[in-house]
Amino acid sequence: MKRSLTAALATAALALPIGASAQVPLSPSTQMRQVPSSQMEVQLSYAPVVAETAPAVVNIFTSRTVRRRQTTGSDFFDRMFGMGRAPQERVENSLGSGVIVRSDGTVVTNAHVIRGADELRVVLNDRREFDAKVVAQDEDLDIAVLQIDTNGEPLPTLRLQQDSDREIGDIVLAIGNPFGVGQTVTSGIISALGRTNVSNSSSFIQTDAAVNPGNSGGALVNLSGELIGVNTAIFSRSGGSNGIGFAIPAELVRRAVDSALSTGEIVRPWIGARTDAVDATMAAALGLDRARGAVINELLDAGPAAEAGLRKGDVILSVGGTPVNDDNGLRFKLATLRTGNSTRIAYMRDGRERTANVRIDTPKEDPPRDERLLLGMHPLDGATVVNLSPALGEELGFDPYLSGVMVMKVQRRAAAHYNRLRPGDIIVSVNDRAIRTTRDAERVLDAEGGADLWEIEIDRQGRIALLPVRALPNPT
């Protein structure tokens, strides 16, 4: 009979040869982890863990309709006279994996697995199939939360690891649907923790368990049968597994699911501080013993960090007792916290370590976006503008610390289009009159309507320039 590897390892005793001394002190959790010491232990099986966890890992099939225009003859004549055949529709199918985290049919997967999908189909381990709908998704975190209708029937679930008790070298299993061949289990170890150079918003678990295309969204579990991460990316030149896979940690998955189910969106908490990683040169100048932490280079007025007394130049060293190695690590840690609560932040200022209780908040839409379509006898006719705010910046992927009036879209054949205004441009001034809100823009343009000379100053990707205004202010 196969023995559970978890049970066997839990009862094993740590033994050192007589006279040997440990050079590095071991943490209590490390002391509980044992290297197999006999042939019997080497022959132990992962089957009990797989039997417990595999039913909660699902296959996700997506389809989307792609329309392509089939042309005949010269491209020039096609563009000029609309020649060519009617657009052709083609259905593209893709696959991925997911994890059931609530018995009512709540499934978590990667956002890139469902990107652009018109239809979502979830297939359980026992071959039952369900249609799924998207509750919320976050492209930056690469997390999506789905819901399937089970007609009240409870589904098997994977419990999320609660205590983040994981260390490099721990044995893990990856469960998913690689290459569409069906559910597959691979084993390996945790190769590294806190990998922040894979994305800007997460701190990944790295594993050498084979992870291939189709595994995305699948489960990374420990030998206690807990979900410790959701597999999301690989480093590979060939497209196959090279022994370097990455998983989103369970604490971020839990926070994303809770947020999606309670608010209908995945909210990313923040403290209103823009930070950068501390390099070795900066660490020496700041009196740090090594490169670590995240230095504050900008604070939002009246934001949580500013209210707590933090200043520009402070170096954040830890959040809630968790060390911060760089700015990506800071963003990840904040993303795992519950909004409305406070957390203790340790930081360095003037060579002395200090602490502050900082409220965890979400970016606010202040000022309100106040979207307006600019119309009239002026060069910006046909441009839709909004007021920038931290919330809008996070929503659209812009810098949340920018302020002013931004162009959201430009109508074709309108004056703004002919004058080369682009979405994302920030209107700084019109005829030397500062533009701070959409109301300002509308009022100033109306007051200057019909002018023979226009000087419109814009900020385009951080560069200030004058908009080249055409002589015809309002073409038809």
Protein backbone atom coordinates (compact mmCIF):
# COMPACT_ATOMS: atom_id res chain seq x y z
CA MET A 1 0.00 0.00 0.00
CA LYS A 2 1.31 3.46 -0.88
CA ARG A 3 2.03 5.64 2.10
CA SER A 4 1.31 9.36 2.09
CA LEU A 5 4.56 11.27 1.72
CA THR A 6 3.14 14.07 3.83
CA ALA A 7 2.31 11.77 6.74
CA ALA A 8 5.69 10.07 6.60
CA LEU A 9 7.66 13.27 6.52
CA ALA A 10 5.64 14.72 9.36
CA THR A 11 6.70 11.85 11.64
CA ALA A 12 10.37 11.75 10.59
CA ALA A 13 13.00 12.96 13.06
CA LEU A 14 15.89 15.27 12.28
CA ALA A 15 19.22 13.59 13.05
CA LEU A 16 22.76 14.95 12.83
CA PRO A 17 25.88 12.78 13.00
CA ILE A 18 27.51 12.68 16.44
CA GLY A 19 29.93 15.54 16.80
CA ALA A 20 28.46 17.48 13.89
CA SER A 21 27.27 21.02 14.45
CA ALA A 22 24.92 23.07 12.30
CA GLN A 23 26.75 26.07 10.89
CA VAL A 24 23.53 27.91 9.99
CA PRO A 25 20.62 27.98 12.48
CA LEU A 26 17.46 26.46 11.05
CA SER A 27 14.04 28.04 11.40
CA PRO A 28 11.34 25.93 13.09
CA SER A 29 9.55 25.43 9.77
CA THR A 30 12.77 24.29 8.10
CA GLN A 31 13.45 21.81 10.92
CA MET A 32 10.10 20.13 10.21
CA ARG A 33 11.09 19.50 6.58
CA GLN A 34 13.07 16.28 6.13
CA VAL A 35 15.22 14.81 3.39
CA PRO A 36 14.22 11.12 2.79
CA SER A 37 16.58 8.99 4.86
CA SER A 38 15.68 5.46 3.71
CA GLN A 39 14.74 3.54 0.58
CA MET A 40 11.22 3.15 1.95
CA GLU A 41 10.77 6.92 2.18
CA VAL A 42 12.14 7.42 -1.33
CA GLN A 43 9.44 5.06 -2.65
CA LEU A 44 6.61 7.04 -1.09
CA SER A 45 3.90 8.32 -3.45
CA TYR A 46 2.28 11.67 -4.15
CA ALA A 47 -0.94 9.88 -5.12
CA PRO A 48 -2.90 10.82 -1.95
CA VAL A 49 -2.16 14.52 -2.52
CA VAL A 50 -3.13 14.29 -6.19
CA ALA A 51 -6.37 12.45 -5.35
CA GLU A 52 -7.26 15.25 -2.92
CA THR A 53 -6.41 18.22 -5.13
CA ALA A 54 -6.89 17.24 -8.78
CA PRO A 55 -10.74 17.31 -8.77
CA ALA A 56 -10.62 21.06 -8.04
CA VAL A 57 -8.42 21.84 -11.07
CA VAL A 58 -10.39 22.49 -14.27
CA ASN A 59 -9.77 22.95 -17.98
CA ILE A 60 -10.88 26.23 -19.52
CA PHE A 61 -11.77 26.39 -23.20
CA THR A 62 -12.26 29.78 -24.86
CA SER A 63 -13.39 30.82 -28.31
CA ARG A 64 -13.49 34.14 -30.05
CA THR A 65 -14.61 35.28 -33.48
CA VAL A 66 -12.03 37.08 -35.59
CA ARG A 67 -13.16 39.10 -38.60
CA ARG A 68 -10.76 39.62 -41.47
CA ARG A 69 -11.46 41.44 -44.70
CA GLN A 70 -10.51 39.44 -47.78
CA THR A 71 -9.42 41.77 -50.57
CA THR A 72 -9.03 41.37 -54.28
CA GLY A 73 -6.97 43.36 -56.67
CA SER A 74 -4.85 46.34 -55.64
CA ASP A 75 -4.78 47.35 -52.00
CA PHE A 76 -4.91 50.98 -53.18
CA PHE A 77 -8.21 50.50 -55.00
CA ASP A 78 -9.56 48.44 -52.08
CA ARG A 79 -8.90 51.34 -49.72
CA MET A 80 -10.16 54.02 -52.09
CA PHE A 81 -13.30 52.36 -53.45
CA GLY A 82 -14.11 49.65 -50.93
CA MET A 83 -13.51 46.83 -53.38
CA GLY A 84 -13.09 43.29 -52.09
CA ARG A 85 -15.11 40.54 -50.60
CA ALA A 86 -17.15 40.74 -47.41
CA PRO A 87 -15.24 40.25 -44.14
CA GLN A 88 -14.54 36.62 -43.33
CA GLU A 89 -15.22 35.31 -39.85
CA ARG A 90 -13.02 32.70 -38.23
CA VAL A 91 -13.38 31.16 -34.77
CA GLU A 92 -10.15 30.87 -32.77
CA ASN A 93 -10.02 28.44 -29.87
CA SER A 94 -7.55 28.37 -27.00
CA LEU A 95 -7.20 26.53 -23.75
CA GLY A 96 -5.92 26.96 -20.24
CA SER A 97 -6.50 25.80 -16.72
CA GLY A 98 -8.25 27.07 -13.61
CA VAL A 99 -8.82 26.31 -9.95
CA ILE A 100 -12.12 26.05 -8.09
CA VAL A 101 -11.72 28.09 -4.90
CA ARG A 102 -15.35 28.25 -3.73
CA SER A 103 -17.79 25.33 -3.72
CA ASP A 104 -20.45 27.50 -5.39
CA GLY A 105 -18.43 27.48 -8.63
CA THR A 106 -15.98 30.37 -8.20
CA VAL A 107 -12.96 29.69 -10.41
CA VAL A 108 -9.69 31.59 -10.56
CA THR A 109 -7.43 31.61 -13.62
CA ASN A 110 -5.09 33.94 -15.50
CA ALA A 111 -6.42 37.00 -17.27
CA HIS A 112 -4.43 36.12 -20.38
CA VAL A 113 -6.23 32.76 -20.59
CA ILE A 114 -9.62 34.44 -21.18
CA ARG A 115 -8.41 37.56 -23.03
CA GLY A 116 -10.78 38.46 -25.87
CA ALA A 117 -12.97 35.40 -25.38
CA ASP A 118 -16.56 35.42 -26.65
CA GLU A 119 -17.37 32.11 -25.00
CA LEU A 120 -15.97 30.41 -21.90
CA ARG A 121 -16.37 26.74 -21.12
CA VAL A 122 -15.16 25.09 -17.93
CA VAL A 123 -14.60 21.32 -17.93
CA LEU A 124 -14.21 19.56 -14.60
CA ASN A 125 -11.90 16.69 -13.81
CA ASP A 126 -14.89 14.29 -14.05
CA ARG A 127 -15.76 15.69 -17.54
CA ARG A 128 -18.77 17.73 -16.49
CA GLU A 129 -18.99 20.94 -18.51
CA PHE A 130 -20.30 24.39 -17.56
CA ASP A 131 -20.59 27.77 -19.23
CA ALA A 132 -18.72 30.45 -17.31
CA LYS A 133 -18.96 34.20 -16.99
CA VAL A 134 -16.27 36.67 -15.97
CA VAL A 135 -16.79 38.27 -12.56
CA ALA A 136 -13.66 40.44 -12.69
CA GLN A 137 -10.18 40.45 -14.16
CA ASP A 138 -6.96 42.41 -13.84
CA GLU A 139 -4.57 42.30 -16.79
CA ASP A 140 -1.71 43.76 -14.77
CA LEU A 141 -1.96 41.16 -12.01
CA ASP A 142 -2.91 38.54 -14.64
CA ILE A 143 -5.77 37.25 -12.49
CA ALA A 144 -9.35 36.55 -13.56
CA VAL A 145 -12.25 35.35 -11.44
CA LEU A 146 -14.99 33.31 -13.15
CA GLN A 147 -18.35 32.00 -12.00
CA ILE A 148 -20.11 28.85 -13.15
CA ASP A 149 -23.70 27.92 -12.38
CA THR A 150 -23.79 24.57 -10.57
CA ASN A 151 -27.56 24.60 -9.88
CA GLY A 152 -26.78 24.49 -6.19
CA GLU A 153 -24.49 21.46 -6.38
CA PRO A 154 -21.29 22.00 -4.36
CA LEU A 155 -18.03 21.45 -6.22
CA PRO A 156 -14.66 20.22 -4.96
CA THR A 157 -12.37 23.09 -3.98
CA LEU A 158 -8.75 23.75 -3.21
CA ARG A 159 -8.06 25.51 0.06
CA LEU A 160 -5.68 28.43 -0.21
CA GLN A 161 -2.56 28.38 1.92
CA GLN A 162 -3.20 30.61 4.91
CA ASP A 163 0.17 31.17 6.51
CA SER A 164 2.53 31.56 3.51
CA ASP A 165 4.72 28.91 5.15
CA ARG A 166 6.86 27.99 2.17
CA GLU A 167 10.58 27.84 1.63
CA ILE A 168 12.98 27.29 -1.22
CA GLY A 169 13.39 23.54 -1.66
CA ASP A 170 9.83 22.60 -0.67
CA ILE A 171 8.29 19.91 -2.90
CA VAL A 172 5.37 21.14 -5.02
CA LEU A 173 3.01 19.69 -7.63
CA ALA A 174 1.78 21.56 -10.73
CA ILE A 175 -1.65 20.48 -12.02
CA GLY A 176 -3.08 21.69 -15.31
CA ASN A 177 -3.84 20.93 -18.93
CA PRO A 178 -0.57 21.35 -20.88
CA PHE A 179 -0.90 21.38 -24.69
CA GLY A 180 -4.52 20.28 -24.35
CA VAL A 181 -3.59 16.64 -23.70
CA GLY A 182 -5.74 16.47 -20.56
CA GLN A 183 -5.13 16.96 -16.88
CA THR A 184 -1.48 16.37 -16.02
CA VAL A 185 0.48 16.41 -12.75
CA THR A 186 4.17 17.31 -12.60
CA SER A 187 6.41 17.57 -9.56
CA GLY A 188 9.37 19.70 -8.56
CA ILE A 189 10.52 22.08 -5.88
CA ILE A 190 10.21 25.76 -5.12
CA SER A 191 13.29 27.15 -6.85
CA ALA A 192 12.97 30.74 -5.61
CA LEU A 193 10.59 33.10 -3.84
CA GLY A 194 9.77 36.75 -4.31
CA ARG A 195 10.61 36.99 -8.01
CA THR A 196 9.65 40.58 -8.83
CA ASN A 197 11.44 40.96 -12.15
CA VAL A 198 8.77 39.03 -14.06
CA SER A 199 6.06 41.72 -13.83
CA ASN A 200 5.50 45.08 -12.18
CA SER A 201 2.78 44.00 -9.78
CA SER A 202 3.52 40.57 -8.40
CA SER A 203 6.11 38.63 -6.45
CA PHE A 204 6.18 35.19 -8.04
CA ILE A 205 6.96 31.73 -6.75
CA GLN A 206 9.50 30.11 -9.07
CA THR A 207 9.37 26.36 -9.57
CA ASP A 208 11.11 23.72 -11.66
CA ALA A 209 7.93 21.59 -11.85
CA ALA A 210 7.24 21.28 -15.58
CA VAL A 211 4.85 24.05 -16.64
CA ASN A 212 3.90 24.27 -20.33
CA PRO A 213 1.39 26.17 -22.51
CA GLY A 214 -2.06 25.22 -21.26
CA ASN A 215 -0.88 25.05 -17.63
CA SER A 216 -1.63 28.76 -17.25
CA GLY A 217 -4.21 29.27 -14.53
CA GLY A 218 -3.60 25.83 -13.05
CA ALA A 219 -2.68 24.92 -9.50
CA LEU A 220 0.65 24.81 -7.72
CA VAL A 221 0.05 22.81 -4.54
CA ASN A 222 2.14 21.72 -1.58
CA LEU A 223 2.18 18.28 0.00
CA SER A 224 -0.53 19.34 2.46
CA GLY A 225 -2.93 19.71 -0.46
CA GLU A 226 -3.02 23.51 -0.23
CA LEU A 227 -3.03 25.89 -3.17
CA ILE A 228 0.16 27.91 -2.80
CA GLY A 229 0.01 29.58 -6.21
CA VAL A 230 -1.61 29.85 -9.64
CA ASN A 231 0.75 28.97 -12.49
CA THR A 232 1.01 31.88 -14.88
CA ALA A 233 4.25 32.14 -16.86
CA ILE A 234 7.32 30.32 -18.09
CA PHE A 235 10.75 31.39 -19.28
CA SER A 236 11.37 29.52 -22.50
CA ARG A 237 12.89 30.05 -25.93
CA SER A 238 11.22 27.00 -27.43
CA GLY A 239 7.74 27.45 -25.96
CA GLY A 240 8.13 24.35 -23.77
CA SER A 241 9.23 23.88 -20.20
CA ASN A 242 12.85 24.70 -19.45
CA GLY A 243 12.46 24.20 -15.72
CA ILE A 244 11.62 27.82 -14.91
CA GLY A 245 7.96 28.43 -14.18
CA PHE A 246 6.24 31.14 -12.16
CA ALA A 247 3.11 31.15 -10.02
CA ILE A 248 1.09 33.97 -8.46
CA PRO A 249 1.18 33.44 -4.66
CA ALA A 250 -1.95 32.32 -2.84
CA GLU A 251 -2.17 35.47 -0.71
CA LEU A 252 -2.63 37.63 -3.80
CA VAL A 253 -5.10 35.16 -5.29
CA ARG A 254 -7.16 35.23 -2.08
CA ARG A 255 -7.26 39.02 -2.02
CA ALA A 256 -8.25 39.19 -5.70
CA VAL A 257 -11.08 36.67 -5.23
CA ASP A 258 -12.42 38.44 -2.14
CA SER A 259 -12.32 41.79 -3.94
CA ALA A 260 -14.00 40.45 -7.09
CA LEU A 261 -16.84 38.78 -5.19
CA SER A 262 -17.50 41.76 -2.89
CA THR A 263 -17.10 44.67 -5.32
CA GLY A 264 -17.26 43.17 -8.80
CA GLU A 265 -13.72 44.27 -9.59
CA ILE A 266 -10.20 43.44 -8.51
CA VAL A 267 -9.14 46.45 -6.48
CA ARG A 268 -5.44 47.13 -6.02
CA PRO A 269 -4.75 48.87 -2.70
CA TRP A 270 -2.16 51.63 -2.46
CA ILE A 271 -0.78 54.21 -0.04
CA GLY A 272 -0.36 57.14 -2.45
CA ALA A 273 3.42 56.96 -2.81
CA ARG A 274 5.48 56.46 -5.94
CA THR A 275 8.64 54.48 -5.19
CA ASP A 276 11.79 53.18 -6.85
CA ALA A 277 14.10 50.31 -5.94
CA VAL A 278 17.21 51.17 -3.93
CA ASP A 279 20.45 50.25 -5.74
CA ALA A 280 23.88 49.78 -4.13
CA THR A 281 24.97 53.39 -4.73
CA MET A 282 21.78 54.79 -3.26
CA ALA A 283 21.99 52.39 -0.30
CA ALA A 284 25.47 53.65 0.58
CA ALA A 285 24.31 57.28 0.37
CA LEU A 286 21.28 56.56 2.56
CA GLY A 287 23.25 54.66 5.18
CA LEU A 288 21.75 51.25 4.44
CA ASP A 289 23.83 48.13 4.93
CA ARG A 290 22.83 46.80 1.48
CA ALA A 291 20.54 47.48 -1.45
CA ARG A 292 17.04 46.94 -0.11
CA GLY A 293 13.75 48.74 0.30
CA ALA A 294 11.82 51.19 -1.86
CA VAL A 295 12.59 54.90 -1.78
CA ILE A 296 9.69 57.37 -1.99
CA ASN A 297 10.18 59.86 -4.81
CA GLU A 298 6.65 61.28 -4.95
CA LEU A 299 3.72 61.55 -2.56
CA LEU A 300 0.10 62.22 -3.31
CA ASP A 301 -1.15 65.22 -1.34
CA ALA A 302 -3.53 64.04 1.39
CA GLY A 303 -2.84 60.41 0.45
CA PRO A 304 -2.46 57.68 3.10
CA ALA A 305 1.37 57.82 3.17
CA ALA A 306 1.42 61.61 3.45
CA GLU A 307 -1.21 61.55 6.19
CA ALA A 308 0.89 59.02 8.13
CA GLY A 309 3.88 61.38 8.08
CA LEU A 310 6.02 59.73 5.40
CA ARG A 311 8.09 62.07 3.24
CA LYS A 312 9.84 62.12 -0.08
CA GLY A 313 13.21 60.39 0.32
CA ASP A 314 12.08 57.95 3.01
CA VAL A 315 13.00 54.31 2.32
CA ILE A 316 10.27 51.77 3.04
CA LEU A 317 11.93 48.67 4.54
CA SER A 318 8.98 46.47 5.51
CA VAL A 319 5.19 46.32 5.43
CA GLY A 320 3.36 44.47 8.19
CA GLY A 321 6.62 42.83 9.20
CA THR A 322 7.38 41.55 5.70
CA PRO A 323 10.68 42.87 4.31
CA VAL A 324 10.48 44.93 1.12
CA ASN A 325 13.30 44.30 -1.35
CA ASP A 326 12.21 46.67 -4.13
CA ASP A 327 9.29 48.72 -5.41
CA ASN A 328 7.65 45.71 -7.13
CA GLY A 329 7.78 43.82 -3.86
CA LEU A 330 6.10 46.77 -2.14
CA ARG A 331 3.28 46.83 -4.69
CA PHE A 332 2.78 43.09 -4.29
CA LYS A 333 2.60 43.26 -0.51
CA LEU A 334 0.12 46.14 -0.61
CA ALA A 335 -2.02 44.20 -3.12
CA THR A 336 -2.46 41.40 -0.57
CA LEU A 337 -3.84 43.71 2.14
CA ARG A 338 -7.44 44.59 2.85
CA THR A 339 -8.48 48.15 2.09
CA GLY A 340 -9.65 50.23 5.03
CA ASN A 341 -7.24 48.56 7.45
CA SER A 342 -3.96 50.01 8.67
CA THR A 343 -0.57 48.36 8.53
CA ARG A 344 2.74 49.12 10.20
CA ILE A 345 5.41 50.32 7.82
CA ALA A 346 9.06 50.46 8.81
CA TYR A 347 11.13 53.06 6.98
CA MET A 348 14.52 54.74 7.09
CA ARG A 349 14.94 58.52 7.41
CA ASP A 350 18.17 60.40 8.13
CA GLY A 351 19.96 57.15 8.93
CA ARG A 352 17.43 56.12 11.60
CA GLU A 353 14.74 53.46 11.31
CA ARG A 354 11.22 54.60 12.16
CA THR A 355 7.70 53.15 11.97
CA ALA A 356 4.28 54.50 11.04
CA ASN A 357 0.76 53.12 10.87
CA VAL A 358 -0.48 53.69 7.33
CA ARG A 359 -4.05 53.29 6.17
CA ILE A 360 -4.51 50.97 3.17
CA ASP A 361 -6.73 52.67 0.62
CA THR A 362 -7.66 52.57 -3.05
CA PRO A 363 -6.96 55.29 -5.63
CA LYS A 364 -9.74 57.88 -5.59
CA GLU A 365 -11.42 59.63 -8.52
CA ASP A 366 -10.57 63.11 -7.27
CA PRO A 367 -11.32 65.27 -9.17
CA PRO A 368 -14.26 63.55 -10.91
CA ARG A 369 -13.46 62.68 -14.53
CA ASP A 370 -16.20 65.04 -15.87
CA GLU A 371 -15.91 63.71 -19.43
CA ARG A 372 -16.72 66.33 -22.07
CA LEU A 373 -16.85 66.40 -25.88
CA LEU A 374 -15.32 69.67 -27.07
CA LEU A 375 -17.34 71.22 -29.89
CA GLY A 376 -17.05 74.61 -31.59
CA MET A 377 -15.03 76.77 -33.98
CA HIS A 378 -11.66 75.90 -32.50
CA PRO A 379 -8.76 73.49 -33.19
CA LEU A 380 -9.85 70.97 -30.54
CA ASP A 381 -13.33 70.38 -31.96
CA GLY A 382 -14.15 66.65 -31.78
CA ALA A 383 -11.87 65.81 -28.85
CA THR A 384 -13.27 64.08 -25.77
CA VAL A 385 -11.41 65.11 -22.61
CA VAL A 386 -11.43 64.00 -18.96
CA ASN A 387 -9.94 65.14 -15.67
CA LEU A 388 -7.04 62.96 -14.57
CA SER A 389 -7.17 61.34 -11.15
CA PRO A 390 -5.42 58.45 -9.36
CA ALA A 391 -8.41 56.16 -9.95
CA LEU A 392 -8.60 56.97 -13.65
CA GLY A 393 -4.86 56.50 -14.03
CA GLU A 394 -5.06 53.02 -12.46
CA GLU A 395 -8.10 52.16 -14.57
CA LEU A 396 -6.51 53.15 -17.88
CA GLY A 397 -2.93 52.16 -17.11
CA PHE A 398 -1.67 55.76 -16.99
CA ASP A 399 0.51 57.33 -14.34
CA PRO A 400 -1.88 57.75 -11.36
CA TYR A 401 0.11 60.76 -10.14
CA LEU A 402 -0.55 62.85 -13.26
CA SER A 403 -3.06 65.68 -13.05
CA GLY A 404 -4.73 67.93 -15.61
CA VAL A 405 -6.96 67.39 -18.63
CA MET A 406 -6.31 64.38 -20.86
CA VAL A 407 -7.65 63.56 -24.32
CA MET A 408 -9.58 60.27 -24.22
CA LYS A 409 -10.55 60.01 -27.88
CA VAL A 410 -10.65 62.05 -31.09
CA GLN A 411 -13.39 61.94 -33.70
CA ARG A 412 -12.29 61.21 -37.22
CA ARG A 413 -12.56 64.10 -39.70
CA ALA A 414 -12.92 66.59 -36.84
CA ALA A 415 -10.61 69.58 -36.31
CA ALA A 416 -8.78 67.86 -33.45
CA HIS A 417 -8.04 64.92 -35.75
CA TYR A 418 -6.66 67.13 -38.53
CA ASN A 419 -4.59 69.02 -35.97
CA ARG A 420 -2.95 65.73 -34.90
CA LEU A 421 -4.29 65.60 -31.36
CA ARG A 422 -3.91 62.07 -29.95
CA PRO A 423 -5.55 60.10 -27.13
CA GLY A 424 -3.31 60.40 -24.10
CA ASP A 425 -2.27 64.01 -24.81
CA ILE A 426 -2.58 66.33 -21.81
CA ILE A 427 -3.75 69.86 -22.63
CA VAL A 428 -1.51 72.24 -20.68
CA SER A 429 -2.65 75.64 -21.97
CA VAL A 430 -4.63 77.37 -24.71
CA ASN A 431 -3.39 80.78 -25.84
CA ASP A 432 -1.31 81.10 -22.63
CA ARG A 433 -4.32 80.34 -20.45
CA ALA A 434 -3.72 77.35 -18.13
CA ILE A 435 -6.06 74.37 -18.44
CA ARG A 436 -6.59 72.54 -15.15
CA THR A 437 -10.06 71.01 -15.60
CA THR A 438 -12.36 70.01 -18.44
CA ARG A 439 -14.56 72.96 -17.51
CA ASP A 440 -11.54 75.24 -17.97
CA ALA A 441 -10.91 73.74 -21.42
CA GLU A 442 -14.49 74.23 -22.57
CA ARG A 443 -14.72 77.78 -21.20
CA VAL A 444 -11.39 78.96 -22.65
CA LEU A 445 -12.03 77.43 -26.08
CA ASP A 446 -15.50 78.99 -26.26
CA ALA A 447 -14.11 82.37 -25.23
CA GLU A 448 -11.37 82.19 -27.87
CA GLY A 449 -13.66 80.79 -30.58
CA GLY A 450 -13.02 82.15 -34.06
CA ALA A 451 -9.53 83.43 -33.21
CA ASP A 452 -7.11 83.71 -36.13
CA LEU A 453 -4.12 82.54 -34.09
CA TRP A 454 -3.99 79.61 -31.69
CA GLU A 455 -1.23 78.41 -29.40
CA ILE A 456 -2.09 75.10 -27.78
CA GLU A 457 0.47 73.56 -25.44
CA ILE A 458 0.30 69.82 -24.84
CA ASP A 459 2.18 67.27 -22.78
CA ARG A 460 2.80 64.16 -24.89
CA GLN A 461 4.50 61.31 -23.02
CA GLY A 462 6.30 63.75 -20.73
CA ARG A 463 7.42 66.16 -23.45
CA ILE A 464 5.89 69.65 -23.68
CA ALA A 465 5.23 70.89 -27.20
CA LEU A 466 3.05 73.29 -29.17
CA LEU A 467 0.31 71.66 -31.22
CA PRO A 468 0.76 72.49 -34.93
CA VAL A 469 -2.62 74.11 -35.63
CA ARG A 470 -3.98 74.00 -39.16
CA ALA A 471 -5.39 77.19 -40.64
CA LEU A 472 -8.83 75.59 -41.12
CA PRO A 473 -10.19 75.43 -37.56
CA ASN A 474 -13.35 73.41 -38.17
CA PRO A 475 -13.25 71.25 -41.32
CA THR A 476 -16.42 69.58 -42.55
